[in-house]
Amino acid sequence: MKYLLLIICVIVCGGCSLSDKGKAISVSDSDENDTVYESIPSHAYSITENEDWQVFLNDEAIEDSIEGLPPVKQVSLWAYNKNEKSAQKILLSHPHSRFKVTMEHSVKIALDSIPTISRVKILSWKGEPLKLLVEGCSDYRNVKSFIISEDSANAICLPTNRGLIGISEEDGLLIMQSYDYYEDGGRYNIIEAFDVKGIRVSSMNAKTRN
């Protein structure tokens, strides 16, 4: 518990930020030679990058929306290896995919079971194979979070429902937020730490009443 609280304090004090939102840069706007991105759709947009990788999303289609709520996007996820100057398609999301997220432990799912993606964070360190955290909301309430490795056909679905808060600087733990309900109504927050294998390291609920 003390370990988790220390991690949260580091984040609140400026240790991490969630600035990896899509930039207004598309493949077609790039000053790079066109052959560098020849495999990536021309309207794909850069959503995050580091020294080794640049990651793109491409809007493929928009599924019908519930009246009064925004539609769910079908997107493809692409990665460009800056060192090898090569690109690869990682997955195509499926908005109609339905699976139950257990709040007890992480589970493996097929990549094509991910409904949608709106936020991406690179988890791998310099020189390591690509590992990503991708997140999206397909039911207009819960944020689903998945860990993806470039060499795997499966994703790890984390047992959380409100997404990433930040990443601890020293050991790369994912600090995730969830909510649950009091028995007599109303919600409370749950803050948890996971390693990049999806294993829960620590958990703390923020109940303000019994």
Protein backbone atom coordinates (compact mmCIF):
# COMPACT_ATOMS: atom_id res chain seq x y z
CA MET A 1 0.00 0.00 0.00
CA LYS A 2 2.76 2.46 0.91
CA TYR A 3 4.52 1.57 -2.35
CA LEU A 4 1.44 2.39 -4.41
CA LEU A 5 0.85 5.68 -2.56
CA LEU A 6 4.47 6.67 -3.23
CA ILE A 7 4.03 5.97 -6.94
CA ILE A 8 0.85 8.07 -7.05
CA CYS A 9 2.63 10.95 -5.30
CA VAL A 10 5.40 10.85 -7.92
CA ILE A 11 2.80 11.08 -10.69
CA VAL A 12 0.83 13.91 -9.06
CA CYS A 13 4.04 15.86 -8.48
CA GLY A 14 4.90 15.81 -12.16
CA GLY A 15 6.61 12.46 -12.72
CA CYS A 16 4.45 11.48 -15.68
CA SER A 17 2.02 13.06 -18.09
CA LEU A 18 -0.48 11.66 -20.56
CA SER A 19 0.38 13.84 -23.52
CA ASP A 20 0.37 11.01 -26.08
CA LYS A 21 -2.74 12.19 -27.88
CA GLY A 22 -2.98 12.25 -31.63
CA LYS A 23 -0.95 14.96 -33.30
CA ALA A 24 -2.26 16.92 -36.26
CA ILE A 25 0.31 15.21 -38.48
CA SER A 26 -0.70 12.68 -41.09
CA VAL A 27 1.46 10.49 -43.25
CA SER A 28 0.61 12.66 -46.25
CA ASP A 29 1.83 15.78 -44.39
CA SER A 30 5.22 14.29 -43.56
CA ASP A 31 8.40 15.79 -44.96
CA GLU A 32 9.95 12.32 -45.06
CA ASN A 33 10.47 10.52 -48.35
CA ASP A 34 7.17 8.97 -49.41
CA THR A 35 8.73 5.50 -49.66
CA VAL A 36 9.37 5.51 -45.90
CA TYR A 37 5.63 5.34 -45.21
CA GLU A 38 4.55 3.51 -48.34
CA SER A 39 2.80 0.76 -46.31
CA ILE A 40 0.86 3.15 -44.07
CA PRO A 41 -2.45 4.67 -45.28
CA SER A 42 -1.97 8.25 -46.45
CA HIS A 43 -4.54 9.66 -44.00
CA ALA A 44 -3.15 7.87 -40.96
CA TYR A 45 -2.19 10.22 -38.12
CA SER A 46 0.69 9.99 -35.66
CA ILE A 47 -0.51 9.34 -32.12
CA THR A 48 2.75 8.73 -30.23
CA GLU A 49 6.45 8.13 -30.81
CA ASN A 50 9.82 7.62 -29.13
CA GLU A 51 13.41 7.23 -30.33
CA ASP A 52 12.74 3.86 -31.98
CA TRP A 53 9.09 3.92 -33.02
CA GLN A 54 6.35 6.11 -34.43
CA VAL A 55 2.79 4.83 -34.02
CA PHE A 56 -0.16 5.76 -36.25
CA LEU A 57 -3.92 5.31 -36.21
CA ASN A 58 -6.03 5.30 -39.34
CA ASP A 59 -9.80 5.82 -39.22
CA GLU A 60 -11.30 2.99 -41.27
CA ALA A 61 -15.03 3.36 -40.62
CA ILE A 62 -17.55 4.73 -38.15
CA GLU A 63 -20.13 2.37 -36.68
CA ASP A 64 -23.70 3.55 -36.08
CA SER A 65 -24.07 5.52 -32.88
CA ILE A 66 -26.64 5.32 -30.14
CA GLU A 67 -28.94 8.32 -30.45
CA GLY A 68 -27.39 11.31 -28.73
CA LEU A 69 -23.99 9.65 -28.27
CA PRO A 70 -20.89 9.72 -30.50
CA PRO A 71 -20.21 6.84 -32.91
CA VAL A 72 -17.54 4.22 -32.35
CA LYS A 73 -14.60 4.31 -34.77
CA GLN A 74 -13.07 1.32 -36.43
CA VAL A 75 -9.35 2.03 -36.65
CA SER A 76 -6.20 0.32 -37.82
CA LEU A 77 -3.01 0.56 -35.77
CA TRP A 78 0.36 0.94 -37.52
CA ALA A 79 3.94 1.11 -36.28
CA TYR A 80 6.98 2.55 -38.06
CA ASN A 81 10.42 1.31 -36.99
CA LYS A 82 12.76 4.30 -37.28
CA ASN A 83 15.92 2.19 -37.17
CA GLU A 84 14.89 -0.34 -39.81
CA LYS A 85 12.82 2.19 -41.78
CA SER A 86 9.98 -0.30 -42.05
CA ALA A 87 6.28 -0.19 -41.24
CA GLN A 88 3.82 -2.82 -40.09
CA LYS A 89 0.11 -3.07 -39.50
CA ILE A 90 -0.51 -4.30 -35.96
CA LEU A 91 -4.28 -4.69 -35.88
CA LEU A 92 -7.70 -3.67 -37.17
CA SER A 93 -10.23 -2.98 -34.44
CA HIS A 94 -13.76 -4.42 -34.49
CA PRO A 95 -16.36 -2.16 -32.81
CA HIS A 96 -18.95 -4.95 -32.60
CA SER A 97 -16.59 -7.20 -30.67
CA ARG A 98 -18.11 -8.16 -27.36
CA PHE A 99 -16.37 -9.74 -24.40
CA LYS A 100 -16.77 -9.39 -20.67
CA VAL A 101 -13.94 -7.70 -18.81
CA THR A 102 -13.32 -9.43 -15.50
CA MET A 103 -12.22 -7.14 -12.68
CA GLU A 104 -10.42 -10.01 -10.94
CA HIS A 105 -7.39 -10.49 -13.17
CA SER A 106 -5.96 -9.78 -16.63
CA VAL A 107 -7.02 -12.01 -19.52
CA LYS A 108 -5.62 -12.71 -22.98
CA ILE A 109 -7.80 -11.95 -26.00
CA ALA A 110 -7.23 -12.03 -29.75
CA LEU A 111 -6.02 -8.76 -31.26
CA ASP A 112 -9.09 -8.58 -33.49
CA SER A 113 -11.30 -8.56 -30.37
CA ILE A 114 -10.23 -5.01 -29.49
CA PRO A 115 -13.29 -2.82 -30.24
CA THR A 116 -11.66 0.57 -30.83
CA ILE A 117 -8.58 2.64 -29.96
CA SER A 118 -8.32 6.33 -29.14
CA ARG A 119 -5.16 6.51 -27.03
CA VAL A 120 -1.78 4.75 -27.29
CA LYS A 121 1.26 4.70 -25.01
CA ILE A 122 4.61 3.12 -25.90
CA LEU A 123 5.75 0.90 -23.03
CA SER A 124 8.99 -0.53 -24.46
CA TRP A 125 12.36 0.97 -23.59
CA LYS A 126 14.93 1.98 -26.22
CA GLY A 127 16.20 -1.05 -28.11
CA GLU A 128 13.41 -3.36 -26.94
CA PRO A 129 10.72 -4.96 -29.14
CA LEU A 130 7.63 -2.79 -29.43
CA LYS A 131 5.15 -3.01 -26.57
CA LEU A 132 2.09 -0.75 -26.40
CA LEU A 133 -0.78 0.12 -24.11
CA VAL A 134 -3.86 0.91 -26.21
CA GLU A 135 -7.15 2.21 -24.84
CA GLY A 136 -10.61 2.93 -26.16
CA CYS A 137 -14.23 3.31 -25.13
CA SER A 138 -16.90 1.42 -27.07
CA ASP A 139 -19.83 1.47 -24.64
CA TYR A 140 -19.80 5.23 -23.87
CA ARG A 141 -18.84 4.59 -20.24
CA ASN A 142 -15.94 2.22 -19.66
CA VAL A 143 -12.38 2.58 -20.95
CA LYS A 144 -10.85 -0.74 -21.94
CA SER A 145 -7.06 -1.06 -21.71
CA PHE A 146 -4.89 -3.58 -23.56
CA ILE A 147 -1.18 -4.42 -23.58
CA ILE A 148 0.10 -5.38 -27.03
CA SER A 149 3.46 -6.90 -28.02
CA GLU A 150 4.55 -6.83 -31.66
CA ASP A 151 5.43 -10.53 -31.64
CA SER A 152 2.11 -11.75 -30.24
CA ALA A 153 -1.28 -12.43 -31.84
CA ASN A 154 -2.97 -11.77 -28.50
CA ALA A 155 -3.47 -8.76 -26.28
CA ILE A 156 -3.61 -8.61 -22.50
CA CYS A 157 -6.87 -7.02 -21.33
CA LEU A 158 -6.38 -5.33 -17.97
CA PRO A 159 -9.06 -5.69 -15.26
CA THR A 160 -9.75 -1.94 -15.15
CA ASN A 161 -12.43 0.37 -16.52
CA ARG A 162 -11.21 3.98 -16.38
CA GLY A 163 -7.83 3.86 -18.09
CA LEU A 164 -4.25 4.87 -17.47
CA ILE A 165 -3.33 7.59 -14.98
CA GLY A 166 0.42 7.45 -15.54
CA ILE A 167 3.56 5.31 -15.52
CA SER A 168 6.07 5.14 -12.67
CA GLU A 169 9.44 6.47 -13.80
CA GLU A 170 11.74 3.97 -12.08
CA ASP A 171 10.13 0.63 -12.92
CA GLY A 172 7.53 1.35 -15.59
CA LEU A 173 4.49 0.23 -13.59
CA LEU A 174 1.14 1.14 -15.10
CA ILE A 175 -1.00 3.16 -12.68
CA MET A 176 -4.61 2.45 -13.61
CA GLN A 177 -7.95 3.80 -12.43
CA SER A 178 -11.26 1.96 -12.06
CA TYR A 179 -14.59 2.55 -10.38
CA ASP A 180 -16.99 0.35 -8.47
CA TYR A 181 -20.28 0.89 -6.69
CA TYR A 182 -21.25 1.17 -3.05
CA GLU A 183 -23.97 -1.26 -2.04
CA ASP A 184 -26.36 1.64 -1.34
CA GLY A 185 -25.53 3.47 -4.58
CA GLY A 186 -22.84 5.83 -5.78
CA ARG A 187 -19.35 5.12 -7.10
CA TYR A 188 -15.85 5.11 -5.63
CA ASN A 189 -12.41 5.04 -7.24
CA ILE A 190 -9.89 2.20 -7.29
CA ILE A 191 -6.22 2.88 -8.03
CA GLU A 192 -4.01 -0.07 -9.03
CA ALA A 193 -0.49 -0.74 -10.28
CA PHE A 194 0.28 -3.37 -12.97
CA ASP A 195 3.49 -4.51 -14.57
CA VAL A 196 3.78 -4.75 -18.36
CA LYS A 197 2.80 -8.43 -18.22
CA GLY A 198 -0.59 -7.42 -16.81
CA ILE A 199 0.11 -8.66 -13.30
CA ARG A 200 -1.47 -6.59 -10.52
CA VAL A 201 1.25 -5.37 -8.14
CA SER A 202 -0.81 -3.29 -5.73
CA SER A 203 -4.33 -1.97 -5.26
CA MET A 204 -6.04 0.73 -3.20
CA ASN A 205 -9.71 1.72 -3.08
CA ALA A 206 -10.68 5.30 -2.29
CA LYS A 207 -13.94 4.67 -0.41
CA THR A 208 -15.15 7.67 1.55
CA ARG A 209 -17.91 5.77 3.33
CA ASN A 210 -18.59 2.20 4.49
